[in-house]
Amino acid sequence: MEIALGIVIIVLAVVLIACVLAQSGKDKSLSGSIAGSTESFFSKGKSQSKDKILSRITTVLSFVFVILTVVLYILVATK
């Protein structure tokens, strides 16, 4: 049971890291002018909705990650 839960936590951690890295930064003013921002008027709304979805996914995954980690700790500590 502990091994399966550990594998789930590792996979969840990798997915959580990917979700965090896929989000764009909140402060894009200076970096956009240096690197050259490619956002147009029509694509701006799409990126904001994508970031909002990724933010919600990150919140849910982090909550599940913490709960599973506590459960795994309790299972291992009671042995």
PDB file of N, CA and C in Angstrom:
ATOM      1  N   MET A   1       0.823  -1.195   0.000  1.00  0.00           N
ATOM      2  CA  MET A   1       0.000   0.000   0.000  1.00  0.00           C
ATOM      3  C   MET A   1       0.866   1.257   0.000  1.00  0.00           C
ATOM      4  N   GLU A   2       1.937   1.227   0.830  1.00  0.00           N
ATOM      5  CA  GLU A   2       2.798   2.398   0.921  1.00  0.00           C
ATOM      6  C   GLU A   2       3.545   2.643  -0.390  1.00  0.00           C
ATOM      7  N   ILE A   3       3.931   1.558  -1.055  1.00  0.00           N
ATOM      8  CA  ILE A   3       4.671   1.702  -2.315  1.00  0.00           C
ATOM      9  C   ILE A   3       3.772   2.310  -3.391  1.00  0.00           C
ATOM     10  N   ALA A   4       2.549   1.836  -3.478  1.00  0.00           N
ATOM     11  CA  ALA A   4       1.613   2.378  -4.469  1.00  0.00           C
ATOM     12  C   ALA A   4       1.311   3.845  -4.192  1.00  0.00           C
ATOM     13  N   LEU A   5       1.121   4.181  -2.931  1.00  0.00           N
ATOM     14  CA  LEU A   5       0.851   5.574  -2.574  1.00  0.00           C
ATOM     15  C   LEU A   5       2.075   6.451  -2.838  1.00  0.00           C
ATOM     16  N   GLY A   6       3.268   5.906  -2.615  1.00  0.00           N
ATOM     17  CA  GLY A   6       4.490   6.642  -2.920  1.00  0.00           C
ATOM     18  C   GLY A   6       4.648   6.908  -4.403  1.00  0.00           C
ATOM     19  N   ILE A   7       4.299   5.932  -5.223  1.00  0.00           N
ATOM     20  CA  ILE A   7       4.364   6.109  -6.677  1.00  0.00           C
ATOM     21  C   ILE A   7       3.362   7.165  -7.132  1.00  0.00           C
ATOM     22  N   VAL A   8       2.171   7.137  -6.554  1.00  0.00           N
ATOM     23  CA  VAL A   8       1.155   8.146  -6.895  1.00  0.00           C
ATOM     24  C   VAL A   8       1.645   9.538  -6.509  1.00  0.00           C
ATOM     25  N   ILE A   9       2.295   9.663  -5.355  1.00  0.00           N
ATOM     26  CA  ILE A   9       2.803  10.960  -4.914  1.00  0.00           C
ATOM     27  C   ILE A   9       3.910  11.450  -5.845  1.00  0.00           C
ATOM     28  N   ILE A  10       4.780  10.564  -6.299  1.00  0.00           N
ATOM     29  CA  ILE A  10       5.851  10.961  -7.218  1.00  0.00           C
ATOM     30  C   ILE A  10       5.275  11.433  -8.548  1.00  0.00           C
ATOM     31  N   VAL A  11       4.314  10.691  -9.085  1.00  0.00           N
ATOM     32  CA  VAL A  11       3.683  11.090 -10.348  1.00  0.00           C
ATOM     33  C   VAL A  11       2.952  12.420 -10.173  1.00  0.00           C
ATOM     34  N   LEU A  12       2.263  12.579  -9.053  1.00  0.00           N
ATOM     35  CA  LEU A  12       1.547  13.820  -8.768  1.00  0.00           C
ATOM     36  C   LEU A  12       2.522  14.993  -8.645  1.00  0.00           C
ATOM     37  N   ALA A  13       3.687  14.756  -8.055  1.00  0.00           N
ATOM     38  CA  ALA A  13       4.692  15.815  -7.929  1.00  0.00           C
ATOM     39  C   ALA A  13       5.206  16.253  -9.287  1.00  0.00           C
ATOM     40  N   VAL A  14       5.435  15.300 -10.185  1.00  0.00           N
ATOM     41  CA  VAL A  14       5.922  15.634 -11.528  1.00  0.00           C
ATOM     42  C   VAL A  14       4.859  16.423 -12.295  1.00  0.00           C
ATOM     43  N   VAL A  15       3.606  16.018 -12.186  1.00  0.00           N
ATOM     44  CA  VAL A  15       2.517  16.734 -12.869  1.00  0.00           C
ATOM     45  C   VAL A  15       2.354  18.130 -12.275  1.00  0.00           C
ATOM     46  N   LEU A  16       2.501  18.247 -10.964  1.00  0.00           N
ATOM     47  CA  LEU A  16       2.396  19.542 -10.300  1.00  0.00           C
ATOM     48  C   LEU A  16       3.514  20.480 -10.756  1.00  0.00           C
ATOM     49  N   ILE A  17       4.718  19.963 -10.873  1.00  0.00           N
ATOM     50  CA  ILE A  17       5.842  20.773 -11.358  1.00  0.00           C
ATOM     51  C   ILE A  17       5.585  21.228 -12.795  1.00  0.00           C
ATOM     52  N   ALA A  18       5.069  20.330 -13.618  1.00  0.00           N
ATOM     53  CA  ALA A  18       4.772  20.686 -15.007  1.00  0.00           C
ATOM     54  C   ALA A  18       3.704  21.772 -15.095  1.00  0.00           C
ATOM     55  N   CYS A  19       2.692  21.683 -14.240  1.00  0.00           N
ATOM     56  CA  CYS A  19       1.634  22.707 -14.240  1.00  0.00           C
ATOM     57  C   CYS A  19       2.166  24.063 -13.806  1.00  0.00           C
ATOM     58  N   VAL A  20       3.036  24.067 -12.818  1.00  0.00           N
ATOM     59  CA  VAL A  20       3.604  25.331 -12.348  1.00  0.00           C
ATOM     60  C   VAL A  20       4.505  25.946 -13.425  1.00  0.00           C
ATOM     61  N   LEU A  21       5.297  25.123 -14.086  1.00  0.00           N
ATOM     62  CA  LEU A  21       6.184  25.641 -15.119  1.00  0.00           C
ATOM     63  C   LEU A  21       5.437  26.079 -16.376  1.00  0.00           C
ATOM     64  N   ALA A  22       4.263  25.536 -16.613  1.00  0.00           N
ATOM     65  CA  ALA A  22       3.494  25.904 -17.802  1.00  0.00           C
ATOM     66  C   ALA A  22       2.799  27.250 -17.647  1.00  0.00           C
ATOM     67  N   GLN A  23       2.676  27.730 -16.418  1.00  0.00           N
ATOM     68  CA  GLN A  23       2.027  29.016 -16.197  1.00  0.00           C
ATOM     69  C   GLN A  23       2.967  30.146 -16.585  1.00  0.00           C
ATOM     70  N   SER A  24       2.384  31.219 -17.096  1.00  0.00           N
ATOM     71  CA  SER A  24       3.203  32.379 -17.410  1.00  0.00           C
ATOM     72  C   SER A  24       3.366  33.221 -16.153  1.00  0.00           C
ATOM     73  N   GLY A  25       4.412  34.013 -16.135  1.00  0.00           N
ATOM     74  CA  GLY A  25       4.687  34.845 -14.978  1.00  0.00           C
ATOM     75  C   GLY A  25       3.679  35.966 -14.839  1.00  0.00           C
ATOM     76  N   LYS A  26       3.526  36.462 -13.641  1.00  0.00           N
ATOM     77  CA  LYS A  26       2.588  37.564 -13.409  1.00  0.00           C
ATOM     78  C   LYS A  26       3.165  38.898 -13.867  1.00  0.00           C
ATOM     79  N   ASP A  27       4.480  39.069 -13.773  1.00  0.00           N
ATOM     80  CA  ASP A  27       5.120  40.321 -14.139  1.00  0.00           C
ATOM     81  C   ASP A  27       5.765  40.173 -15.510  1.00  0.00           C
ATOM     82  N   LYS A  28       5.008  40.505 -16.559  1.00  0.00           N
ATOM     83  CA  LYS A  28       5.488  40.323 -17.924  1.00  0.00           C
ATOM     84  C   LYS A  28       5.896  41.640 -18.575  1.00  0.00           C
ATOM     85  N   SER A  29       5.862  42.743 -17.842  1.00  0.00           N
ATOM     86  CA  SER A  29       6.085  44.039 -18.476  1.00  0.00           C
ATOM     87  C   SER A  29       7.505  44.190 -18.996  1.00  0.00           C
ATOM     88  N   LEU A  30       8.494  43.976 -18.164  1.00  0.00           N
ATOM     89  CA  LEU A  30       9.873  44.161 -18.596  1.00  0.00           C
ATOM     90  C   LEU A  30      10.354  43.001 -19.452  1.00  0.00           C
ATOM     91  N   SER A  31      10.022  41.780 -19.070  1.00  0.00           N
ATOM     92  CA  SER A  31      10.487  40.631 -19.845  1.00  0.00           C
ATOM     93  C   SER A  31       9.844  40.595 -21.224  1.00  0.00           C
ATOM     94  N   GLY A  32       8.640  41.063 -21.343  1.00  0.00           N
ATOM     95  CA  GLY A  32       7.993  41.100 -22.651  1.00  0.00           C
ATOM     96  C   GLY A  32       8.633  42.108 -23.583  1.00  0.00           C
ATOM     97  N   SER A  33       9.105  43.212 -23.026  1.00  0.00           N
ATOM     98  CA  SER A  33       9.749  44.207 -23.886  1.00  0.00           C
ATOM     99  C   SER A  33      11.155  43.786 -24.277  1.00  0.00           C
ATOM    100  N   ILE A  34      11.841  43.046 -23.419  1.00  0.00           N
ATOM    101  CA  ILE A  34      13.194  42.595 -23.744  1.00  0.00           C
ATOM    102  C   ILE A  34      13.150  41.425 -24.722  1.00  0.00           C
ATOM    103  N   ALA A  35      12.344  40.416 -24.393  1.00  0.00           N
ATOM    104  CA  ALA A  35      12.306  39.206 -25.211  1.00  0.00           C
ATOM    105  C   ALA A  35      11.405  39.347 -26.425  1.00  0.00           C
ATOM    106  N   GLY A  36      10.550  40.310 -26.422  1.00  0.00           N
ATOM    107  CA  GLY A  36       9.642  40.489 -27.544  1.00  0.00           C
ATOM    108  C   GLY A  36       8.362  39.717 -27.326  1.00  0.00           C
ATOM    109  N   SER A  37       7.347  40.389 -26.896  1.00  0.00           N
ATOM    110  CA  SER A  37       6.075  39.734 -26.626  1.00  0.00           C
ATOM    111  C   SER A  37       5.347  39.463 -27.932  1.00  0.00           C
ATOM    112  N   THR A  38       4.787  38.273 -28.074  1.00  0.00           N
ATOM    113  CA  THR A  38       4.096  37.905 -29.307  1.00  0.00           C
ATOM    114  C   THR A  38       2.586  37.866 -29.116  1.00  0.00           C
ATOM    115  N   GLU A  39       2.109  38.406 -28.003  1.00  0.00           N
ATOM    116  CA  GLU A  39       0.669  38.393 -27.772  1.00  0.00           C
ATOM    117  C   GLU A  39      -0.018  39.448 -28.629  1.00  0.00           C
ATOM    118  N   SER A  40      -1.075  39.051 -29.271  1.00  0.00           N
ATOM    119  CA  SER A  40      -1.876  40.008 -30.006  1.00  0.00           C
ATOM    120  C   SER A  40      -3.143  40.281 -29.200  1.00  0.00           C
ATOM    121  N   PHE A  41      -3.979  41.132 -29.735  1.00  0.00           N
ATOM    122  CA  PHE A  41      -5.213  41.475 -29.034  1.00  0.00           C
ATOM    123  C   PHE A  41      -6.112  40.255 -28.860  1.00  0.00           C
ATOM    124  N   PHE A  42      -6.166  39.379 -29.852  1.00  0.00           N
ATOM    125  CA  PHE A  42      -7.065  38.234 -29.796  1.00  0.00           C
ATOM    126  C   PHE A  42      -6.514  37.091 -28.962  1.00  0.00           C
ATOM    127  N   SER A  43      -5.206  36.952 -28.864  1.00  0.00           N
ATOM    128  CA  SER A  43      -4.635  35.843 -28.105  1.00  0.00           C
ATOM    129  C   SER A  43      -4.469  36.165 -26.632  1.00  0.00           C
ATOM    130  N   LYS A  44      -4.654  37.422 -26.247  1.00  0.00           N
ATOM    131  CA  LYS A  44      -4.467  37.806 -24.856  1.00  0.00           C
ATOM    132  C   LYS A  44      -5.486  37.137 -23.942  1.00  0.00           C
ATOM    133  N   GLY A  45      -6.714  37.057 -24.343  1.00  0.00           N
ATOM    134  CA  GLY A  45      -7.750  36.419 -23.539  1.00  0.00           C
ATOM    135  C   GLY A  45      -7.545  34.922 -23.408  1.00  0.00           C
ATOM    136  N   LYS A  46      -7.036  34.305 -24.449  1.00  0.00           N
ATOM    137  CA  LYS A  46      -6.792  32.864 -24.408  1.00  0.00           C
ATOM    138  C   LYS A  46      -5.706  32.520 -23.413  1.00  0.00           C
ATOM    139  N   SER A  47      -4.653  33.328 -23.359  1.00  0.00           N
ATOM    140  CA  SER A  47      -3.572  33.028 -22.421  1.00  0.00           C
ATOM    141  C   SER A  47      -4.032  33.248 -20.984  1.00  0.00           C
ATOM    142  N   GLN A  48      -4.889  34.228 -20.752  1.00  0.00           N
ATOM    143  CA  GLN A  48      -5.388  34.459 -19.401  1.00  0.00           C
ATOM    144  C   GLN A  48      -6.299  33.325 -18.959  1.00  0.00           C
ATOM    145  N   SER A  49      -7.129  32.811 -19.845  1.00  0.00           N
ATOM    146  CA  SER A  49      -7.997  31.704 -19.469  1.00  0.00           C
ATOM    147  C   SER A  49      -7.185  30.426 -19.256  1.00  0.00           C
ATOM    148  N   LYS A  50      -6.124  30.241 -20.048  1.00  0.00           N
ATOM    149  CA  LYS A  50      -5.233  29.091 -19.871  1.00  0.00           C
ATOM    150  C   LYS A  50      -4.528  29.182 -18.527  1.00  0.00           C
ATOM    151  N   ASP A  51      -4.065  30.373 -18.176  1.00  0.00           N
ATOM    152  CA  ASP A  51      -3.410  30.547 -16.883  1.00  0.00           C
ATOM    153  C   ASP A  51      -4.378  30.349 -15.726  1.00  0.00           C
ATOM    154  N   LYS A  52      -5.618  30.750 -15.912  1.00  0.00           N
ATOM    155  CA  LYS A  52      -6.612  30.567 -14.855  1.00  0.00           C
ATOM    156  C   LYS A  52      -6.898  29.080 -14.641  1.00  0.00           C
ATOM    157  N   ILE A  53      -7.009  28.331 -15.732  1.00  0.00           N
ATOM    158  CA  ILE A  53      -7.243  26.888 -15.634  1.00  0.00           C
ATOM    159  C   ILE A  53      -6.037  26.202 -14.993  1.00  0.00           C
ATOM    160  N   LEU A  54      -4.827  26.582 -15.429  1.00  0.00           N
ATOM    161  CA  LEU A  54      -3.624  25.991 -14.841  1.00  0.00           C
ATOM    162  C   LEU A  54      -3.491  26.343 -13.361  1.00  0.00           C
ATOM    163  N   SER A  55      -3.910  27.533 -12.995  1.00  0.00           N
ATOM    164  CA  SER A  55      -3.867  27.926 -11.587  1.00  0.00           C
ATOM    165  C   SER A  55      -4.817  27.083 -10.745  1.00  0.00           C
ATOM    166  N   ARG A  56      -6.002  26.834 -11.267  1.00  0.00           N
ATOM    167  CA  ARG A  56      -6.959  25.992 -10.533  1.00  0.00           C
ATOM    168  C   ARG A  56      -6.474  24.553 -10.441  1.00  0.00           C
ATOM    169  N   ILE A  57      -5.909  24.040 -11.533  1.00  0.00           N
ATOM    170  CA  ILE A  57      -5.368  22.679 -11.520  1.00  0.00           C
ATOM    171  C   ILE A  57      -4.228  22.579 -10.513  1.00  0.00           C
ATOM    172  N   THR A  58      -3.366  23.590 -10.482  1.00  0.00           N
ATOM    173  CA  THR A  58      -2.257  23.604  -9.536  1.00  0.00           C
ATOM    174  C   THR A  58      -2.757  23.611  -8.094  1.00  0.00           C
ATOM    175  N   THR A  59      -3.791  24.380  -7.828  1.00  0.00           N
ATOM    176  CA  THR A  59      -4.350  24.435  -6.476  1.00  0.00           C
ATOM    177  C   THR A  59      -4.910  23.084  -6.065  1.00  0.00           C
ATOM    178  N   VAL A  60      -5.670  22.459  -6.938  1.00  0.00           N
ATOM    179  CA  VAL A  60      -6.274  21.157  -6.620  1.00  0.00           C
ATOM    180  C   VAL A  60      -5.198  20.089  -6.458  1.00  0.00           C
ATOM    181  N   LEU A  61      -4.225  20.070  -7.366  1.00  0.00           N
ATOM    182  CA  LEU A  61      -3.165  19.064  -7.283  1.00  0.00           C
ATOM    183  C   LEU A  61      -2.314  19.242  -6.027  1.00  0.00           C
ATOM    184  N   SER A  62      -2.050  20.484  -5.649  1.00  0.00           N
ATOM    185  CA  SER A  62      -1.254  20.697  -4.437  1.00  0.00           C
ATOM    186  C   SER A  62      -2.025  20.269  -3.192  1.00  0.00           C
ATOM    187  N   PHE A  63      -3.337  20.511  -3.176  1.00  0.00           N
ATOM    188  CA  PHE A  63      -4.158  20.062  -2.052  1.00  0.00           C
ATOM    189  C   PHE A  63      -4.156  18.536  -1.961  1.00  0.00           C
ATOM    190  N   VAL A  64      -4.341  17.850  -3.082  1.00  0.00           N
ATOM    191  CA  VAL A  64      -4.327  16.390  -3.107  1.00  0.00           C
ATOM    192  C   VAL A  64      -2.947  15.865  -2.721  1.00  0.00           C
ATOM    193  N   PHE A  65      -1.895  16.539  -3.173  1.00  0.00           N
ATOM    194  CA  PHE A  65      -0.524  16.145  -2.842  1.00  0.00           C
ATOM    195  C   PHE A  65      -0.290  16.210  -1.327  1.00  0.00           C
ATOM    196  N   VAL A  66      -0.719  17.278  -0.703  1.00  0.00           N
ATOM    197  CA  VAL A  66      -0.538  17.420   0.746  1.00  0.00           C
ATOM    198  C   VAL A  66      -1.332  16.357   1.496  1.00  0.00           C
ATOM    199  N   ILE A  67      -2.564  16.128   1.094  1.00  0.00           N
ATOM    200  CA  ILE A  67      -3.395  15.128   1.769  1.00  0.00           C
ATOM    201  C   ILE A  67      -2.783  13.736   1.632  1.00  0.00           C
ATOM    202  N   LEU A  68      -2.338  13.376   0.429  1.00  0.00           N
ATOM    203  CA  LEU A  68      -1.736  12.060   0.229  1.00  0.00           C
ATOM    204  C   LEU A  68      -0.424  11.907   0.994  1.00  0.00           C
ATOM    205  N   THR A  69       0.333  12.986   1.095  1.00  0.00           N
ATOM    206  CA  THR A  69       1.575  12.933   1.858  1.00  0.00           C
ATOM    207  C   THR A  69       1.304  12.715   3.334  1.00  0.00           C
ATOM    208  N   VAL A  70       0.297  13.369   3.871  1.00  0.00           N
ATOM    209  CA  VAL A  70      -0.076  13.177   5.281  1.00  0.00           C
ATOM    210  C   VAL A  70      -0.583  11.751   5.504  1.00  0.00           C
ATOM    211  N   VAL A  71      -1.381  11.251   4.588  1.00  0.00           N
ATOM    212  CA  VAL A  71      -1.879   9.867   4.706  1.00  0.00           C
ATOM    213  C   VAL A  71      -0.736   8.880   4.663  1.00  0.00           C
ATOM    214  N   LEU A  72       0.218   9.077   3.766  1.00  0.00           N
ATOM    215  CA  LEU A  72       1.368   8.195   3.694  1.00  0.00           C
ATOM    216  C   LEU A  72       2.196   8.264   4.978  1.00  0.00           C
ATOM    217  N   TYR A  73       2.358   9.451   5.518  1.00  0.00           N
ATOM    218  CA  TYR A  73       3.094   9.605   6.764  1.00  0.00           C
ATOM    219  C   TYR A  73       2.392   8.862   7.905  1.00  0.00           C
ATOM    220  N   ILE A  74       1.093   8.947   7.969  1.00  0.00           N
ATOM    221  CA  ILE A  74       0.335   8.270   9.025  1.00  0.00           C
ATOM    222  C   ILE A  74       0.450   6.758   8.856  1.00  0.00           C
ATOM    223  N   LEU A  75       0.372   6.279   7.613  1.00  0.00           N
ATOM    224  CA  LEU A  75       0.504   4.832   7.378  1.00  0.00           C
ATOM    225  C   LEU A  75       1.873   4.312   7.782  1.00  0.00           C
ATOM    226  N   VAL A  76       2.914   5.062   7.478  1.00  0.00           N
ATOM    227  CA  VAL A  76       4.267   4.623   7.807  1.00  0.00           C
ATOM    228  C   VAL A  76       4.538   4.768   9.300  1.00  0.00           C
ATOM    229  N   ALA A  77       4.005   5.809   9.935  1.00  0.00           N
ATOM    230  CA  ALA A  77       4.259   6.048  11.354  1.00  0.00           C
ATOM    231  C   ALA A  77       3.545   5.070  12.259  1.00  0.00           C
ATOM    232  N   THR A  78       2.443   4.494  11.796  1.00  0.00           N
ATOM    233  CA  THR A  78       1.685   3.568  12.638  1.00  0.00           C
ATOM    234  C   THR A  78       2.248   2.156  12.612  1.00  0.00           C
ATOM    235  N   LYS A  79       3.234   1.901  11.779  1.00  0.00           N
ATOM    236  CA  LYS A  79       3.827   0.565  11.710  1.00  0.00           C
ATOM    237  C   LYS A  79       4.811   0.350  12.824  1.00  0.00           C
TER     238      LYS A  79
END
